[in-house]
Amino acid sequence: MTKEERSEMEHHIITVLETIFDPEIPVNVYELGLIYEIIIGDEGHVKIIMTLTSPNCPVAESLPQEVKDKVSMVKGVTAAEIALTFEPPWDQSMLSDEAKLELGFL
């Protein structure tokens, strides 16, 4: 996979991530800063390292599964793996400027 193909796939993955919302916060998981890293392998295997707003998040099982399901549907993705981490712990500084504006923090 070329650098350009990898970049295009990452763009499509981010577009999909922007359609997934934390049900308690009206902002998508990408703008919330819950996605720490998107790793795209040569054969289209995608690994997403993500977190939740807290370890006790009520969607701790369903939200990562939704991310996996939707990323798996992106053209060129042959497999999707979600790695959930709490290091570093999520905090409001990880919000994008768009999310901060949406939530009234700017």
N, C-alpha and C. Protein backbone atom coordinates (compact mmCIF):
# COMPACT_ATOMS: atom_id res chain seq x y z
N MET A 1 0.86 -1.18 0.00
CA MET A 1 0.00 0.00 0.00
C MET A 1 0.90 1.24 0.00
N THR A 2 0.62 2.17 -0.91
CA THR A 2 1.44 3.37 -1.01
C THR A 2 1.07 4.35 0.11
N LYS A 3 1.93 5.31 0.31
CA LYS A 3 1.67 6.35 1.31
C LYS A 3 0.38 7.11 0.97
N GLU A 4 0.17 7.35 -0.32
CA GLU A 4 -1.04 8.07 -0.76
C GLU A 4 -2.29 7.24 -0.48
N GLU A 5 -2.24 5.94 -0.76
CA GLU A 5 -3.39 5.06 -0.50
C GLU A 5 -3.68 4.98 1.00
N ARG A 6 -2.61 4.92 1.79
CA ARG A 6 -2.76 4.87 3.25
C ARG A 6 -3.40 6.17 3.75
N SER A 7 -2.96 7.28 3.21
CA SER A 7 -3.50 8.59 3.60
C SER A 7 -4.97 8.71 3.22
N GLU A 8 -5.32 8.23 2.03
CA GLU A 8 -6.71 8.28 1.59
C GLU A 8 -7.59 7.40 2.47
N MET A 9 -7.09 6.21 2.81
CA MET A 9 -7.85 5.31 3.67
C MET A 9 -8.04 5.94 5.05
N GLU A 10 -6.99 6.56 5.58
CA GLU A 10 -7.11 7.21 6.88
C GLU A 10 -8.17 8.31 6.84
N HIS A 11 -8.20 9.07 5.77
CA HIS A 11 -9.22 10.12 5.61
C HIS A 11 -10.63 9.51 5.66
N HIS A 12 -10.83 8.40 4.96
CA HIS A 12 -12.15 7.74 4.95
C HIS A 12 -12.49 7.20 6.34
N ILE A 13 -11.49 6.67 7.03
CA ILE A 13 -11.72 6.15 8.38
C ILE A 13 -12.13 7.30 9.31
N ILE A 14 -11.44 8.42 9.23
CA ILE A 14 -11.78 9.57 10.06
C ILE A 14 -13.20 10.05 9.75
N THR A 15 -13.56 10.08 8.48
CA THR A 15 -14.91 10.48 8.09
C THR A 15 -15.95 9.58 8.75
N VAL A 16 -15.68 8.28 8.80
CA VAL A 16 -16.59 7.33 9.46
C VAL A 16 -16.60 7.58 10.96
N LEU A 17 -15.44 7.80 11.55
CA LEU A 17 -15.37 8.04 13.00
C LEU A 17 -16.16 9.28 13.39
N GLU A 18 -16.24 10.24 12.49
CA GLU A 18 -16.99 11.46 12.77
C GLU A 18 -18.50 11.24 12.75
N THR A 19 -18.95 10.03 12.41
CA THR A 19 -20.38 9.72 12.45
C THR A 19 -20.76 8.96 13.72
N ILE A 20 -19.78 8.69 14.57
CA ILE A 20 -20.01 7.90 15.79
C ILE A 20 -19.99 8.85 16.99
N PHE A 21 -21.07 8.87 17.74
CA PHE A 21 -21.20 9.82 18.84
C PHE A 21 -21.27 9.11 20.18
N ASP A 22 -20.62 9.72 21.18
CA ASP A 22 -20.80 9.29 22.56
C ASP A 22 -22.22 9.71 22.92
N PRO A 23 -23.06 8.79 23.39
CA PRO A 23 -24.47 9.14 23.62
C PRO A 23 -24.69 10.19 24.71
N GLU A 24 -23.71 10.39 25.57
CA GLU A 24 -23.87 11.37 26.64
C GLU A 24 -23.34 12.75 26.28
N ILE A 25 -22.55 12.82 25.21
CA ILE A 25 -21.95 14.09 24.80
C ILE A 25 -22.24 14.27 23.31
N PRO A 26 -22.81 15.40 22.91
CA PRO A 26 -23.22 15.56 21.51
C PRO A 26 -22.05 15.89 20.56
N VAL A 27 -20.97 15.13 20.68
CA VAL A 27 -19.78 15.34 19.85
C VAL A 27 -19.28 13.96 19.42
N ASN A 28 -18.77 13.86 18.18
CA ASN A 28 -18.31 12.56 17.69
C ASN A 28 -17.01 12.13 18.38
N VAL A 29 -16.73 10.83 18.31
CA VAL A 29 -15.59 10.26 19.04
C VAL A 29 -14.25 10.82 18.57
N TYR A 30 -14.16 11.21 17.29
CA TYR A 30 -12.90 11.76 16.78
C TYR A 30 -12.65 13.16 17.36
N GLU A 31 -13.66 14.01 17.31
CA GLU A 31 -13.51 15.38 17.83
C GLU A 31 -13.39 15.39 19.36
N LEU A 32 -13.95 14.36 20.01
CA LEU A 32 -13.81 14.26 21.47
C LEU A 32 -12.37 13.93 21.88
N GLY A 33 -11.59 13.44 20.94
CA GLY A 33 -10.22 13.06 21.26
C GLY A 33 -10.12 11.64 21.80
N LEU A 34 -11.15 10.83 21.56
CA LEU A 34 -11.13 9.45 22.04
C LEU A 34 -10.28 8.52 21.17
N ILE A 35 -9.96 8.97 19.97
CA ILE A 35 -9.14 8.17 19.06
C ILE A 35 -7.68 8.63 19.21
N TYR A 36 -6.86 7.76 19.76
CA TYR A 36 -5.46 8.10 20.00
C TYR A 36 -4.58 7.84 18.78
N GLU A 37 -4.88 6.77 18.06
CA GLU A 37 -4.02 6.44 16.93
C GLU A 37 -4.77 5.55 15.95
N ILE A 38 -4.49 5.76 14.65
CA ILE A 38 -5.02 4.91 13.58
C ILE A 38 -3.80 4.34 12.87
N ILE A 39 -3.68 3.02 12.91
CA ILE A 39 -2.54 2.34 12.29
C ILE A 39 -3.07 1.50 11.14
N ILE A 40 -2.53 1.75 9.95
CA ILE A 40 -2.99 1.04 8.76
C ILE A 40 -1.86 0.17 8.24
N GLY A 41 -2.08 -1.14 8.24
CA GLY A 41 -1.09 -2.09 7.74
C GLY A 41 -1.15 -2.21 6.23
N ASP A 42 -0.13 -2.83 5.67
CA ASP A 42 -0.02 -2.96 4.22
C ASP A 42 -1.18 -3.70 3.57
N GLU A 43 -1.74 -4.67 4.25
CA GLU A 43 -2.82 -5.45 3.66
C GLU A 43 -4.20 -4.91 4.01
N GLY A 44 -4.29 -3.70 4.54
CA GLY A 44 -5.58 -3.11 4.87
C GLY A 44 -6.06 -3.44 6.27
N HIS A 45 -5.17 -4.02 7.08
CA HIS A 45 -5.53 -4.28 8.48
C HIS A 45 -5.40 -2.97 9.24
N VAL A 46 -6.46 -2.58 9.93
CA VAL A 46 -6.49 -1.31 10.65
C VAL A 46 -6.58 -1.57 12.15
N LYS A 47 -5.71 -0.91 12.88
CA LYS A 47 -5.76 -0.98 14.34
C LYS A 47 -6.03 0.43 14.85
N ILE A 48 -7.05 0.55 15.68
CA ILE A 48 -7.38 1.84 16.26
C ILE A 48 -7.17 1.76 17.75
N ILE A 49 -6.35 2.65 18.25
CA ILE A 49 -6.13 2.75 19.69
C ILE A 49 -7.02 3.89 20.16
N MET A 50 -7.91 3.56 21.08
CA MET A 50 -8.88 4.55 21.54
C MET A 50 -9.09 4.44 23.04
N THR A 51 -9.76 5.43 23.57
CA THR A 51 -10.11 5.45 24.99
C THR A 51 -11.58 5.80 25.13
N LEU A 52 -12.02 5.90 26.35
CA LEU A 52 -13.37 6.35 26.67
C LEU A 52 -13.24 7.53 27.61
N THR A 53 -14.32 8.27 27.79
CA THR A 53 -14.25 9.44 28.67
C THR A 53 -13.97 9.04 30.11
N SER A 54 -14.33 7.80 30.48
CA SER A 54 -13.98 7.28 31.81
C SER A 54 -14.03 5.75 31.74
N PRO A 55 -13.28 5.07 32.62
CA PRO A 55 -13.32 3.61 32.63
C PRO A 55 -14.71 3.05 32.94
N ASN A 56 -15.54 3.82 33.62
CA ASN A 56 -16.89 3.38 33.97
C ASN A 56 -17.94 3.85 32.97
N CYS A 57 -17.50 4.26 31.79
CA CYS A 57 -18.40 4.75 30.75
C CYS A 57 -19.48 3.71 30.47
N PRO A 58 -20.77 4.13 30.43
CA PRO A 58 -21.85 3.17 30.20
C PRO A 58 -21.82 2.49 28.83
N VAL A 59 -21.06 3.05 27.88
CA VAL A 59 -20.98 2.45 26.55
C VAL A 59 -19.61 1.78 26.34
N ALA A 60 -18.99 1.34 27.41
CA ALA A 60 -17.64 0.76 27.35
C ALA A 60 -17.56 -0.45 26.42
N GLU A 61 -18.66 -1.17 26.27
CA GLU A 61 -18.65 -2.32 25.36
C GLU A 61 -19.18 -1.96 23.98
N SER A 62 -20.24 -1.18 23.93
CA SER A 62 -20.89 -0.93 22.64
C SER A 62 -20.14 0.09 21.77
N LEU A 63 -19.52 1.10 22.37
CA LEU A 63 -18.87 2.13 21.56
C LEU A 63 -17.65 1.58 20.80
N PRO A 64 -16.73 0.86 21.43
CA PRO A 64 -15.63 0.27 20.66
C PRO A 64 -16.13 -0.70 19.58
N GLN A 65 -17.18 -1.43 19.86
CA GLN A 65 -17.74 -2.34 18.86
C GLN A 65 -18.32 -1.57 17.68
N GLU A 66 -18.97 -0.45 17.95
CA GLU A 66 -19.50 0.39 16.86
C GLU A 66 -18.35 0.93 16.01
N VAL A 67 -17.27 1.36 16.66
CA VAL A 67 -16.10 1.84 15.92
C VAL A 67 -15.58 0.72 15.02
N LYS A 68 -15.42 -0.47 15.58
CA LYS A 68 -14.90 -1.61 14.81
C LYS A 68 -15.82 -1.92 13.63
N ASP A 69 -17.11 -2.00 13.89
CA ASP A 69 -18.07 -2.35 12.83
C ASP A 69 -18.04 -1.34 11.69
N LYS A 70 -18.04 -0.06 12.03
CA LYS A 70 -18.09 0.97 10.98
C LYS A 70 -16.76 1.10 10.23
N VAL A 71 -15.64 0.99 10.94
CA VAL A 71 -14.34 1.06 10.27
C VAL A 71 -14.16 -0.15 9.36
N SER A 72 -14.68 -1.29 9.75
CA SER A 72 -14.58 -2.51 8.93
C SER A 72 -15.25 -2.34 7.57
N MET A 73 -16.21 -1.43 7.48
CA MET A 73 -16.96 -1.22 6.24
C MET A 73 -16.28 -0.25 5.28
N VAL A 74 -15.19 0.40 5.73
CA VAL A 74 -14.47 1.34 4.86
C VAL A 74 -13.79 0.57 3.73
N LYS A 75 -13.90 1.10 2.53
CA LYS A 75 -13.30 0.45 1.36
C LYS A 75 -11.80 0.25 1.59
N GLY A 76 -11.35 -0.98 1.34
CA GLY A 76 -9.94 -1.31 1.48
C GLY A 76 -9.56 -1.88 2.83
N VAL A 77 -10.43 -1.73 3.82
CA VAL A 77 -10.13 -2.28 5.15
C VAL A 77 -10.45 -3.77 5.11
N THR A 78 -9.44 -4.59 5.39
CA THR A 78 -9.63 -6.04 5.38
C THR A 78 -9.91 -6.59 6.77
N ALA A 79 -9.47 -5.86 7.80
CA ALA A 79 -9.72 -6.26 9.19
C ALA A 79 -9.59 -5.02 10.05
N ALA A 80 -10.38 -4.97 11.10
CA ALA A 80 -10.30 -3.83 12.04
C ALA A 80 -10.14 -4.38 13.45
N GLU A 81 -9.21 -3.79 14.17
CA GLU A 81 -8.95 -4.17 15.55
C GLU A 81 -9.03 -2.91 16.40
N ILE A 82 -9.68 -3.01 17.53
CA ILE A 82 -9.79 -1.89 18.44
C ILE A 82 -9.03 -2.23 19.71
N ALA A 83 -8.11 -1.36 20.08
CA ALA A 83 -7.37 -1.53 21.33
C ALA A 83 -7.82 -0.41 22.26
N LEU A 84 -8.43 -0.79 23.35
CA LEU A 84 -8.94 0.17 24.32
C LEU A 84 -7.87 0.42 25.37
N THR A 85 -7.58 1.68 25.64
CA THR A 85 -6.57 2.04 26.62
C THR A 85 -7.07 3.19 27.49
N PHE A 86 -6.52 3.29 28.66
CA PHE A 86 -6.83 4.42 29.53
C PHE A 86 -5.55 5.16 29.91
N GLU A 87 -4.50 4.95 29.11
CA GLU A 87 -3.24 5.65 29.29
C GLU A 87 -2.89 6.38 28.01
N PRO A 88 -2.81 7.66 27.97
CA PRO A 88 -3.13 8.54 29.09
C PRO A 88 -4.64 8.63 29.28
N PRO A 89 -5.07 8.94 30.50
CA PRO A 89 -6.50 9.10 30.73
C PRO A 89 -7.05 10.27 29.92
N TRP A 90 -8.26 10.12 29.42
CA TRP A 90 -8.90 11.19 28.65
C TRP A 90 -9.23 12.35 29.58
N ASP A 91 -9.06 13.57 29.07
CA ASP A 91 -9.56 14.75 29.78
C ASP A 91 -9.97 15.80 28.75
N GLN A 92 -10.55 16.87 29.21
CA GLN A 92 -11.13 17.87 28.30
C GLN A 92 -10.10 18.54 27.41
N SER A 93 -8.83 18.51 27.77
CA SER A 93 -7.81 19.12 26.92
C SER A 93 -7.67 18.37 25.59
N MET A 94 -8.19 17.17 25.50
CA MET A 94 -8.09 16.37 24.27
C MET A 94 -9.17 16.71 23.26
N LEU A 95 -10.14 17.52 23.66
CA LEU A 95 -11.20 17.95 22.74
C LEU A 95 -10.61 18.80 21.62
N SER A 96 -11.12 18.61 20.42
CA SER A 96 -10.73 19.49 19.32
C SER A 96 -11.34 20.87 19.56
N ASP A 97 -10.86 21.87 18.85
CA ASP A 97 -11.44 23.20 18.98
C ASP A 97 -12.91 23.19 18.59
N GLU A 98 -13.25 22.39 17.58
CA GLU A 98 -14.64 22.28 17.14
C GLU A 98 -15.51 21.72 18.27
N ALA A 99 -15.01 20.70 18.95
CA ALA A 99 -15.76 20.11 20.07
C ALA A 99 -15.89 21.09 21.22
N LYS A 100 -14.83 21.83 21.51
CA LYS A 100 -14.87 22.81 22.59
C LYS A 100 -15.91 23.89 22.28
N LEU A 101 -15.97 24.31 21.04
CA LEU A 101 -16.95 25.30 20.61
C LEU A 101 -18.38 24.72 20.76
N GLU A 102 -18.56 23.49 20.30
CA GLU A 102 -19.86 22.81 20.37
C GLU A 102 -20.35 22.69 21.81
N LEU A 103 -19.41 22.42 22.71
CA LEU A 103 -19.77 22.24 24.12
C LEU A 103 -19.75 23.51 24.95
N GLY A 104 -19.41 24.64 24.29
CA GLY A 104 -19.41 25.92 24.99
C GLY A 104 -18.19 26.19 25.82
N PHE A 105 -17.07 25.50 25.51
CA PHE A 105 -15.84 25.70 26.26
C PHE A 105 -14.97 26.81 25.67
N LEU A 106 -15.34 27.34 24.51
CA LEU A 106 -14.56 28.43 23.88
C LEU A 106 -15.38 29.71 23.88
